[in-house]
C-alpha atoms as a PDB file:
ATOM      1  CA  MET A   1     -45.931  35.301 -67.407  1.00  0.00           C
ATOM      2  CA  SER A   2     -46.541  39.119 -67.541  1.00  0.00           C
ATOM      3  CA  ASN A   3     -44.533  41.334 -66.337  1.00  0.00           C
ATOM      4  CA  GLY A   4     -47.244  42.002 -62.922  1.00  0.00           C
ATOM      5  CA  VAL A   5     -46.973  38.727 -62.225  1.00  0.00           C
ATOM      6  CA  PHE A   6     -43.382  38.546 -62.026  1.00  0.00           C
ATOM      7  CA  ARG A   7     -42.724  41.445 -60.185  1.00  0.00           C
ATOM      8  CA  ILE A   8     -44.898  39.912 -57.515  1.00  0.00           C
ATOM      9  CA  LEU A   9     -42.717  37.074 -57.600  1.00  0.00           C
ATOM     10  CA  VAL A  10     -40.271  38.500 -57.118  1.00  0.00           C
ATOM     11  CA  VAL A  11     -41.449  40.456 -53.984  1.00  0.00           C
ATOM     12  CA  LEU A  12     -42.184  37.459 -52.347  1.00  0.00           C
ATOM     13  CA  GLY A  13     -39.011  35.646 -53.113  1.00  0.00           C
ATOM     14  CA  ILE A  14     -37.381  38.808 -51.597  1.00  0.00           C
ATOM     15  CA  GLY A  15     -39.988  39.132 -48.745  1.00  0.00           C
ATOM     16  CA  ALA A  16     -38.932  35.367 -47.873  1.00  0.00           C
ATOM     17  CA  LEU A  17     -35.524  35.491 -48.634  1.00  0.00           C
ATOM     18  CA  LEU A  18     -35.391  38.489 -45.875  1.00  0.00           C
ATOM     19  CA  LEU A  19     -37.548  36.387 -43.379  1.00  0.00           C
ATOM     20  CA  SER A  20     -35.397  33.935 -43.547  1.00  0.00           C
ATOM     21  CA  LEU A  21     -32.833  36.317 -42.879  1.00  0.00           C
ATOM     22  CA  SER A  22     -34.953  38.021 -40.041  1.00  0.00           C
ATOM     23  CA  VAL A  23     -35.271  34.580 -37.800  1.00  0.00           C
ATOM     24  CA  PHE A  24     -32.704  31.834 -36.139  1.00  0.00           C
ATOM     25  CA  THR A  25     -33.645  28.881 -33.946  1.00  0.00           C
ATOM     26  CA  VAL A  26     -32.163  28.013 -30.806  1.00  0.00           C
ATOM     27  CA  ASN A  27     -32.108  24.563 -29.846  1.00  0.00           C
ATOM     28  CA  GLU A  28     -31.569  22.833 -25.982  1.00  0.00           C
ATOM     29  CA  ARG A  29     -28.166  21.767 -27.344  1.00  0.00           C
ATOM     30  CA  GLU A  30     -27.176  25.572 -27.779  1.00  0.00           C
ATOM     31  CA  ARG A  31     -26.359  29.067 -26.396  1.00  0.00           C
ATOM     32  CA  ALA A  32     -26.449  31.861 -28.259  1.00  0.00           C
ATOM     33  CA  ILE A  33     -25.791  35.692 -28.300  1.00  0.00           C
ATOM     34  CA  LYS A  34     -27.259  37.979 -30.871  1.00  0.00           C
ATOM     35  CA  LEU A  35     -24.511  40.894 -32.329  1.00  0.00           C
ATOM     36  CA  GLN A  36     -25.091  44.440 -33.698  1.00  0.00           C
ATOM     37  CA  LEU A  37     -22.182  45.634 -35.330  1.00  0.00           C
ATOM     38  CA  GLY A  38     -20.060  43.635 -33.437  1.00  0.00           C
ATOM     39  CA  GLN A  39     -21.753  44.494 -30.290  1.00  0.00           C
ATOM     40  CA  VAL A  40     -23.560  42.301 -28.172  1.00  0.00           C
ATOM     41  CA  VAL A  41     -26.748  43.386 -28.000  1.00  0.00           C
ATOM     42  CA  GLN A  42     -28.892  40.528 -26.295  1.00  0.00           C
ATOM     43  CA  SER A  43     -27.699  36.757 -25.183  1.00  0.00           C
ATOM     44  CA  GLU A  44     -29.345  33.533 -22.909  1.00  0.00           C
ATOM     45  CA  TYR A  45     -31.538  32.404 -25.140  1.00  0.00           C
ATOM     46  CA  ASP A  46     -34.597  30.143 -24.359  1.00  0.00           C
ATOM     47  CA  PRO A  47     -34.515  27.213 -27.012  1.00  0.00           C
ATOM     48  CA  GLY A  48     -37.333  28.056 -29.488  1.00  0.00           C
ATOM     49  CA  LEU A  49     -37.889  30.445 -32.480  1.00  0.00           C
ATOM     50  CA  HIS A  50     -36.080  34.106 -32.372  1.00  0.00           C
ATOM     51  CA  TRP A  51     -35.621  37.393 -34.790  1.00  0.00           C
ATOM     52  CA  LYS A  52     -32.779  39.422 -35.809  1.00  0.00           C
ATOM     53  CA  ILE A  53     -32.399  42.422 -37.955  1.00  0.00           C
ATOM     54  CA  PRO A  54     -30.790  41.312 -41.226  1.00  0.00           C
ATOM     55  CA  PHE A  55     -27.348  42.037 -41.901  1.00  0.00           C
ATOM     56  CA  VAL A  56     -27.222  44.423 -39.179  1.00  0.00           C
ATOM     57  CA  GLN A  57     -27.657  41.714 -36.664  1.00  0.00           C
ATOM     58  CA  ASN A  58     -26.111  38.120 -36.480  1.00  0.00           C
ATOM     59  CA  VAL A  59     -25.981  35.802 -34.151  1.00  0.00           C
ATOM     60  CA  HIS A  60     -23.289  33.509 -32.757  1.00  0.00           C
ATOM     61  CA  LYS A  61     -24.096  29.771 -31.248  1.00  0.00           C
ATOM     62  CA  PHE A  62     -21.960  27.593 -28.409  1.00  0.00           C
ATOM     63  CA  PRO A  63     -22.571  24.511 -27.898  1.00  0.00           C
ATOM     64  CA  ARG A  64     -24.282  23.956 -24.282  1.00  0.00           C
ATOM     65  CA  ARG A  65     -22.869  20.370 -23.754  1.00  0.00           C
ATOM     66  CA  ILE A  66     -20.465  19.713 -21.644  1.00  0.00           C
ATOM     67  CA  LEU A  67     -16.575  19.235 -23.679  1.00  0.00           C
ATOM     68  CA  THR A  68     -13.379  17.772 -22.985  1.00  0.00           C
ATOM     69  CA  ILE A  69      -9.833  18.755 -23.263  1.00  0.00           C
ATOM     70  CA  GLN A  70      -7.564  15.840 -23.599  1.00  0.00           C
ATOM     71  CA  ASP A  71      -4.175  17.056 -24.384  1.00  0.00           C
ATOM     72  CA  ARG A  72      -0.678  14.856 -25.007  1.00  0.00           C
ATOM     73  CA  PRO A  73       0.534  13.635 -21.523  1.00  0.00           C
ATOM     74  CA  GLU A  74       2.664  16.271 -19.685  1.00  0.00           C
ATOM     75  CA  ARG A  75       6.299  16.154 -18.277  1.00  0.00           C
ATOM     76  CA  VAL A  76       6.203  17.091 -14.693  1.00  0.00           C
ATOM     77  CA  PHE A  77       8.827  17.601 -11.800  1.00  0.00           C
ATOM     78  CA  THR A  78       7.491  17.037  -7.697  1.00  0.00           C
ATOM     79  CA  ALA A  79       8.700  18.440  -5.264  1.00  0.00           C
ATOM     80  CA  GLU A  80      11.738  16.001  -5.120  1.00  0.00           C
ATOM     81  CA  LYS A  81      12.826  16.982  -8.886  1.00  0.00           C
ATOM     82  CA  LYS A  82      12.085  13.949  -9.700  1.00  0.00           C
ATOM     83  CA  ALA A  83      10.191  13.828 -13.298  1.00  0.00           C
ATOM     84  CA  LEU A  84       6.730  12.016 -14.370  1.00  0.00           C
ATOM     85  CA  GLN A  85       4.454  11.905 -16.947  1.00  0.00           C
ATOM     86  CA  VAL A  86       0.815  13.132 -16.248  1.00  0.00           C
ATOM     87  CA  ASP A  87      -2.008  11.940 -18.293  1.00  0.00           C
ATOM     88  CA  PHE A  88      -5.491  14.309 -17.414  1.00  0.00           C
ATOM     89  CA  PHE A  89      -8.257  15.326 -19.264  1.00  0.00           C
ATOM     90  CA  VAL A  90     -10.854  18.277 -18.219  1.00  0.00           C
ATOM     91  CA  LYS A  91     -14.119  18.680 -18.627  1.00  0.00           C
ATOM     92  CA  TRP A  92     -15.425  22.273 -18.871  1.00  0.00           C
ATOM     93  CA  ARG A  93     -18.629  24.080 -20.238  1.00  0.00           C
ATOM     94  CA  ILE A  94     -19.543  27.310 -21.381  1.00  0.00           C
ATOM     95  CA  VAL A  95     -21.672  29.249 -18.516  1.00  0.00           C
ATOM     96  CA  GLU A  96     -20.941  32.847 -19.892  1.00  0.00           C
ATOM     97  CA  PRO A  97     -21.473  33.252 -23.275  1.00  0.00           C
ATOM     98  CA  VAL A  98     -20.679  37.069 -23.702  1.00  0.00           C
ATOM     99  CA  LYS A  99     -17.182  36.392 -22.022  1.00  0.00           C
ATOM    100  CA  PHE A 100     -16.759  33.630 -24.160  1.00  0.00           C
ATOM    101  CA  TYR A 101     -17.120  35.587 -27.095  1.00  0.00           C
ATOM    102  CA  THR A 102     -15.369  38.718 -25.848  1.00  0.00           C
ATOM    103  CA  SER A 103     -12.132  36.958 -24.241  1.00  0.00           C
ATOM    104  CA  THR A 104     -11.883  34.308 -27.200  1.00  0.00           C
ATOM    105  CA  GLY A 105     -13.714  35.699 -30.597  1.00  0.00           C
ATOM    106  CA  GLY A 106     -16.366  32.814 -30.248  1.00  0.00           C
ATOM    107  CA  SER A 107     -13.521  30.140 -31.103  1.00  0.00           C
ATOM    108  CA  LEU A 108     -13.545  26.834 -29.585  1.00  0.00           C
ATOM    109  CA  GLN A 109     -10.120  26.604 -30.880  1.00  0.00           C
ATOM    110  CA  LEU A 110      -8.533  29.202 -28.967  1.00  0.00           C
ATOM    111  CA  ALA A 111     -10.791  28.112 -25.940  1.00  0.00           C
ATOM    112  CA  ASP A 112      -9.259  24.937 -26.151  1.00  0.00           C
ATOM    113  CA  GLY A 113      -5.825  26.070 -26.442  1.00  0.00           C
ATOM    114  CA  ARG A 114      -6.088  29.082 -23.644  1.00  0.00           C
ATOM    115  CA  LEU A 115      -7.838  26.353 -21.428  1.00  0.00           C
ATOM    116  CA  SER A 116      -4.843  23.771 -22.096  1.00  0.00           C
ATOM    117  CA  GLU A 117      -1.594  26.383 -20.826  1.00  0.00           C
ATOM    118  CA  ILE A 118      -4.199  26.949 -17.712  1.00  0.00           C
ATOM    119  CA  ILE A 119      -4.641  23.180 -16.840  1.00  0.00           C
ATOM    120  CA  LYS A 120      -1.069  22.614 -17.822  1.00  0.00           C
ATOM    121  CA  ASN A 121       0.188  25.400 -15.302  1.00  0.00           C
ATOM    122  CA  ALA A 122      -2.605  23.717 -12.551  1.00  0.00           C
ATOM    123  CA  VAL A 123      -0.263  20.662 -13.097  1.00  0.00           C
ATOM    124  CA  VAL A 124       2.997  21.380 -12.851  1.00  0.00           C
ATOM    125  CA  THR A 125       2.107  24.046  -9.446  1.00  0.00           C
ATOM    126  CA  GLU A 126       0.166  21.093  -7.947  1.00  0.00           C
ATOM    127  CA  PHE A 127       2.710  18.500  -8.531  1.00  0.00           C
ATOM    128  CA  GLY A 128       5.643  20.072  -8.140  1.00  0.00           C
ATOM    129  CA  LYS A 129       3.988  20.633  -4.250  1.00  0.00           C
ATOM    130  CA  ARG A 130       4.000  16.902  -3.788  1.00  0.00           C
ATOM    131  CA  THR A 131       6.103  13.745  -3.465  1.00  0.00           C
ATOM    132  CA  VAL A 132       5.870  11.070  -5.874  1.00  0.00           C
ATOM    133  CA  ALA A 133       4.131   9.126  -2.971  1.00  0.00           C
ATOM    134  CA  GLU A 134       1.766  11.571  -2.503  1.00  0.00           C
ATOM    135  CA  ALA A 135       1.283  12.407  -6.062  1.00  0.00           C
ATOM    136  CA  ILE A 136       0.870   8.555  -7.344  1.00  0.00           C
ATOM    137  CA  SER A 137      -0.895   7.069  -4.244  1.00  0.00           C
ATOM    138  CA  VAL A 138      -2.229   8.894  -0.781  1.00  0.00           C
ATOM    139  CA  GLU A 139      -2.971  12.282  -2.360  1.00  0.00           C
ATOM    140  CA  ARG A 140      -4.517  11.205  -5.448  1.00  0.00           C
ATOM    141  CA  VAL A 141      -8.104  12.660  -4.704  1.00  0.00           C
ATOM    142  CA  ASP A 142      -6.740  15.640  -2.718  1.00  0.00           C
ATOM    143  CA  LEU A 143      -4.023  16.329  -5.942  1.00  0.00           C
ATOM    144  CA  MET A 144      -7.096  16.256  -8.735  1.00  0.00           C
ATOM    145  CA  ARG A 145      -9.336  19.221  -6.168  1.00  0.00           C
ATOM    146  CA  ASP A 146      -6.273  21.240  -5.910  1.00  0.00           C
ATOM    147  CA  MET A 147      -5.929  21.336  -9.508  1.00  0.00           C
ATOM    148  CA  LEU A 148      -9.491  21.937 -10.219  1.00  0.00           C
ATOM    149  CA  VAL A 149      -9.163  24.644  -7.694  1.00  0.00           C
ATOM    150  CA  ASN A 150      -6.319  25.957  -8.942  1.00  0.00           C
ATOM    151  CA  ALA A 151      -7.428  26.307 -12.694  1.00  0.00           C
ATOM    152  CA  ALA A 152     -11.397  27.072 -12.126  1.00  0.00           C
ATOM    153  CA  GLY A 153     -10.488  30.673 -10.845  1.00  0.00           C
ATOM    154  CA  THR A 154      -8.624  31.531 -14.549  1.00  0.00           C
ATOM    155  CA  ALA A 155     -11.593  29.971 -16.435  1.00  0.00           C
ATOM    156  CA  GLU A 156     -13.478  31.427 -15.164  1.00  0.00           C
ATOM    157  CA  ASP A 157     -12.597  34.543 -16.704  1.00  0.00           C
ATOM    158  CA  LEU A 158     -13.300  32.958 -20.325  1.00  0.00           C
ATOM    159  CA  GLY A 159     -16.608  32.746 -19.330  1.00  0.00           C
ATOM    160  CA  VAL A 160     -16.181  28.669 -18.677  1.00  0.00           C
ATOM    161  CA  GLU A 161     -16.740  26.340 -15.978  1.00  0.00           C
ATOM    162  CA  LEU A 162     -13.900  23.420 -15.008  1.00  0.00           C
ATOM    163  CA  VAL A 163     -16.827  20.315 -14.570  1.00  0.00           C
ATOM    164  CA  ASP A 164     -14.075  18.117 -13.647  1.00  0.00           C
ATOM    165  CA  PHE A 165     -10.428  17.375 -13.648  1.00  0.00           C
ATOM    166  CA  ARG A 166      -9.118  13.378 -13.776  1.00  0.00           C
ATOM    167  CA  VAL A 167      -5.329  12.246 -14.306  1.00  0.00           C
ATOM    168  CA  LYS A 168      -5.754   8.916 -15.755  1.00  0.00           C
ATOM    169  CA  GLN A 169      -2.024   8.002 -15.546  1.00  0.00           C
ATOM    170  CA  VAL A 170       1.148   9.108 -13.428  1.00  0.00           C
ATOM    171  CA  GLU A 171       4.005   7.236 -15.047  1.00  0.00           C
ATOM    172  CA  LEU A 172       8.028   8.032 -13.998  1.00  0.00           C
ATOM    173  CA  MET A 173       9.928   8.631 -16.389  1.00  0.00           C
ATOM    174  CA  GLU A 174      12.794   5.824 -17.083  1.00  0.00           C
ATOM    175  CA  ASP A 175      15.660   7.232 -15.337  1.00  0.00           C
ATOM    176  CA  VAL A 176      13.270   8.060 -12.306  1.00  0.00           C
ATOM    177  CA  ARG A 177      11.548   4.626 -12.703  1.00  0.00           C
ATOM    178  CA  GLN A 178      14.939   3.027 -11.798  1.00  0.00           C
ATOM    179  CA  ALA A 179      15.818   5.260  -8.876  1.00  0.00           C
ATOM    180  CA  VAL A 180      12.716   4.277  -7.502  1.00  0.00           C
ATOM    181  CA  TYR A 181      12.720   0.727  -7.993  1.00  0.00           C
ATOM    182  CA  ALA A 182      16.501   0.755  -6.329  1.00  0.00           C
ATOM    183  CA  GLN A 183      15.184   3.111  -3.763  1.00  0.00           C
ATOM    184  CA  MET A 184      12.082   0.409  -2.996  1.00  0.00           C
ATOM    185  CA  SER A 185      14.977  -2.692  -3.411  1.00  0.00           C
ATOM    186  CA  ALA A 186      17.316  -0.975  -0.612  1.00  0.00           C
ATOM    187  CA  GLU A 187      14.236  -0.592   1.594  1.00  0.00           C
ATOM    188  CA  ARG A 188      12.549  -4.060   0.921  1.00  0.00           C
ATOM    189  CA  GLN A 189      15.927  -5.304   2.043  1.00  0.00           C
ATOM    190  CA  ARG A 190      16.187  -2.879   4.823  1.00  0.00           C
ATOM    191  CA  VAL A 191      12.982  -4.296   6.347  1.00  0.00           C
ATOM    192  CA  ALA A 192      14.342  -7.838   5.796  1.00  0.00           C
ATOM    193  CA  THR A 193      17.387  -7.274   7.620  1.00  0.00           C
ATOM    194  CA  GLU A 194      15.681  -6.073  10.665  1.00  0.00           C
ATOM    195  CA  LEU A 195      12.892  -8.578  10.372  1.00  0.00           C
ATOM    196  CA  ARG A 196      16.277 -11.476  10.327  1.00  0.00           C
ATOM    197  CA  ALA A 197      17.751  -9.939  13.214  1.00  0.00           C
ATOM    198  CA  GLU A 198      14.464  -9.440  15.216  1.00  0.00           C
ATOM    199  CA  GLY A 199      14.497 -13.495  14.618  1.00  0.00           C
ATOM    200  CA  ARG A 200      17.743 -14.376  15.744  1.00  0.00           C
ATOM    201  CA  ALA A 201      17.347 -11.888  19.147  1.00  0.00           C
ATOM    202  CA  ASP A 202      14.175 -13.862  19.335  1.00  0.00           C
ATOM    203  CA  ALA A 203      15.710 -17.030  18.922  1.00  0.00           C
ATOM    204  CA  ASP A 204      19.084 -16.050  21.320  1.00  0.00           C
ATOM    205  CA  ARG A 205      16.012 -15.367  23.599  1.00  0.00           C
ATOM    206  CA  ILE A 206      14.312 -18.581  23.139  1.00  0.00           C
ATOM    207  CA  GLU A 207      17.525 -20.703  23.760  1.00  0.00           C
ATOM    208  CA  ALA A 208      18.796 -19.005  26.786  1.00  0.00           C
ATOM    209  CA  GLU A 209      15.543 -19.161  28.245  1.00  0.00           C
ATOM    210  CA  ALA A 210      15.722 -22.643  27.329  1.00  0.00           C
ATOM    211  CA  ASP A 211      19.291 -23.442  28.472  1.00  0.00           C
ATOM    212  CA  ARG A 212      17.951 -21.370  31.601  1.00  0.00           C
ATOM    213  CA  GLU A 213      15.106 -23.991  32.455  1.00  0.00           C
ATOM    214  CA  ARG A 214      17.431 -27.084  31.580  1.00  0.00           C
ATOM    215  CA  THR A 215      20.072 -25.746  34.110  1.00  0.00           C
ATOM    216  CA  VAL A 216      17.087 -25.177  36.590  1.00  0.00           C
ATOM    217  CA  ILE A 217      15.434 -28.993  35.927  1.00  0.00           C
ATOM    218  CA  LEU A 218      18.598 -30.692  36.118  1.00  0.00           C
ATOM    219  CA  ALA A 219      19.708 -29.041  39.504  1.00  0.00           C
ATOM    220  CA  ASP A 220      16.066 -29.865  40.823  1.00  0.00           C
ATOM    221  CA  ALA A 221      16.526 -33.265  39.639  1.00  0.00           C
ATOM    222  CA  ARG A 222      20.011 -34.039  41.263  1.00  0.00           C
ATOM    223  CA  ARG A 223      18.738 -32.258  44.003  1.00  0.00           C
ATOM    224  CA  ASP A 224      16.056 -34.736  44.574  1.00  0.00           C
ATOM    225  CA  SER A 225      18.035 -37.634  44.018  1.00  0.00           C
ATOM    226  CA  GLU A 226      20.571 -36.786  46.435  1.00  0.00           C
ATOM    227  CA  LYS A 227      17.668 -36.351  48.462  1.00  0.00           C
ATOM    228  CA  LEU A 228      16.526 -39.635  47.411  1.00  0.00           C
ATOM    229  CA  ARG A 229      19.787 -41.373  47.362  1.00  0.00           C
ATOM    230  CA  GLY A 230      20.842 -40.127  50.608  1.00  0.00           C
ATOM    231  CA  GLU A 231      17.325 -41.610  52.499  1.00  0.00           C
ATOM    232  CA  GLY A 232      18.245 -44.915  50.631  1.00  0.00           C
ATOM    233  CA  ASP A 233      21.579 -44.693  51.939  1.00  0.00           C
ATOM    234  CA  ALA A 234      20.412 -43.940  55.406  1.00  0.00           C
ATOM    235  CA  ARG A 235      17.161 -46.609  55.382  1.00  0.00           C
ATOM    236  CA  ALA A 236      19.519 -49.112  53.941  1.00  0.00           C
ATOM    237  CA  ALA A 237      22.060 -48.813  57.032  1.00  0.00           C
ATOM    238  CA  GLU A 238      19.085 -48.511  59.331  1.00  0.00           C
ATOM    239  CA  ILE A 239      18.060 -51.936  58.199  1.00  0.00           C
ATOM    240  CA  TYR A 240      21.793 -53.521  58.243  1.00  0.00           C
ATOM    241  CA  ALA A 241      22.483 -52.603  61.389  1.00  0.00           C
ATOM    242  CA  GLU A 242      19.124 -54.206  62.866  1.00  0.00           C
ATOM    243  CA  ALA A 243      20.399 -57.436  60.564  1.00  0.00           C
ATOM    244  CA  TYR A 244      23.337 -56.871  62.664  1.00  0.00           C
ATOM    245  CA  ASN A 245      22.187 -56.660  66.046  1.00  0.00           C
ATOM    246  CA  ARG A 246      19.473 -59.575  65.679  1.00  0.00           C
ATOM    247  CA  ASP A 247      22.008 -62.242  64.393  1.00  0.00           C
ATOM    248  CA  PRO A 248      25.476 -60.701  64.059  1.00  0.00           C
ATOM    249  CA  GLU A 249      27.518 -64.043  62.439  1.00  0.00           C
ATOM    250  CA  PHE A 250      24.461 -63.820  59.908  1.00  0.00           C
ATOM    251  CA  TYR A 251      25.478 -60.672  58.837  1.00  0.00           C
ATOM    252  CA  ALA A 252      28.984 -61.702  58.425  1.00  0.00           C
ATOM    253  CA  PHE A 253      28.001 -64.435  56.042  1.00  0.00           C
ATOM    254  CA  TYR A 254      25.626 -62.308  54.097  1.00  0.00           C
ATOM    255  CA  ARG A 255      28.162 -59.493  54.014  1.00  0.00           C
ATOM    256  CA  SER A 256      30.942 -62.427  52.562  1.00  0.00           C
ATOM    257  CA  ILE A 257      29.008 -63.593  50.288  1.00  0.00           C
ATOM    258  CA  ASN A 258      28.688 -60.524  48.350  1.00  0.00           C
ATOM    259  CA  ALA A 259      31.932 -59.622  48.345  1.00  0.00           C
ATOM    260  CA  TYR A 260      32.558 -63.593  46.971  1.00  0.00           C
ATOM    261  CA  LYS A 261      29.831 -62.022  44.338  1.00  0.00           C
ATOM    262  CA  GLN A 262      31.991 -58.982  43.486  1.00  0.00           C
ATOM    263  CA  SER A 263      34.921 -60.587  43.727  1.00  0.00           C
ATOM    264  CA  MET A 264      34.819 -63.784  41.586  1.00  0.00           C
ATOM    265  CA  GLY A 265      31.484 -63.135  39.209  1.00  0.00           C
ATOM    266  CA  ASN A 266      32.938 -62.352  36.096  1.00  0.00           C
ATOM    267  CA  SER A 267      33.962 -65.213  33.571  1.00  0.00           C
ATOM    268  CA  GLY A 268      38.095 -65.171  33.699  1.00  0.00           C
ATOM    269  CA  ASP A 269      38.354 -63.156  37.235  1.00  0.00           C
ATOM    270  CA  LEU A 270      41.412 -64.884  38.970  1.00  0.00           C
ATOM    271  CA  LEU A 271      42.054 -64.282  42.671  1.00  0.00           C
ATOM    272  CA  VAL A 272      45.430 -66.093  44.255  1.00  0.00           C
ATOM    273  CA  LEU A 273      44.950 -66.004  47.688  1.00  0.00           C
ATOM    274  CA  ASP A 274      46.143 -68.798  50.772  1.00  0.00           C
ATOM    275  CA  PRO A 275      43.105 -71.310  51.458  1.00  0.00           C
ATOM    276  CA  SER A 276      43.681 -70.497  54.848  1.00  0.00           C
ATOM    277  CA  ASN A 277      43.074 -67.051  54.249  1.00  0.00           C
ATOM    278  CA  GLU A 278      40.480 -65.478  56.258  1.00  0.00           C
ATOM    279  CA  PHE A 279      38.546 -64.199  52.906  1.00  0.00           C
ATOM    280  CA  PHE A 280      37.857 -67.892  52.396  1.00  0.00           C
ATOM    281  CA  ARG A 281      36.597 -68.729  56.117  1.00  0.00           C
ATOM    282  CA  TYR A 282      33.032 -69.581  55.495  1.00  0.00           C
ATOM    283  CA  LEU A 283      34.036 -71.900  52.122  1.00  0.00           C
ATOM    284  CA  ASN A 284      36.386 -73.752  54.094  1.00  0.00           C
ATOM    285  CA  GLN A 285      33.543 -74.570  56.532  1.00  0.00           C
ATOM    286  CA  SER A 286      31.419 -77.238  55.000  1.00  0.00           C
ATOM    287  CA  ASP A 287      30.102 -78.255  57.854  1.00  0.00           C
ATOM    288  CA  GLY A 288      28.247 -74.997  58.132  1.00  0.00           C
ATOM    289  CA  THR A 289      29.696 -74.235  62.020  1.00  0.00           C
ATOM    290  CA  PRO A 290      31.298 -71.009  62.954  1.00  0.00           C
END
């Protein structure tokens, strides 16, 4: 190979190297900034092929996709000073690459660490405003929204946007769990006691009402029976009077027969009287004459 051909190949190789160092690509999943001697000279590149000055300018690329921070569960305290263990995750993305580079040096690891501290502060702050019941049930949605708002303002200083903040699980610490269980048990016992007391009061009221109705019914029955008995006695007296007026002798005979039945109607009865006694008047008159 002659020297001339060698020189041409060297020049072409250097040219190809310079060309490769002068070109960079940005795809749709990336954000990029161009620096010159450490100073940002351009940002917000569209996807495609772009140019730079070799050895003077360099390019930093950052992911455009949504990233996730999922740290270990955090121990927090509620407004009641009860400890909770909170497991959460945060979705975030880079929206201002220049600000992100200047605040973190372009390090995703450093950004994760700083965002974790911001998020933990928001978690501690918002849980500290709420009771256990509010934190784990009725205000869960409001809680996550407030934590997102609390942390979003500080995160903007890093050039990032917090997309979503989710609490996966909230667990009571063992000592708090036992206290809560005891409180729940006491509350259930209180409710049960109230229900039993209400039941006894209703039972007493129903029993008293039944006794009152029974007394009224019996009184009405006794009144009606006395009325009917009085009417029956009056009618009987009237019938007896009519019978006596029609035939006094027959009435006397009838009354004597009833007296015999009442005095000697049972087996084993013994009656000791003088046979000539007036009581045996009709028995002694076997011929039936008075």
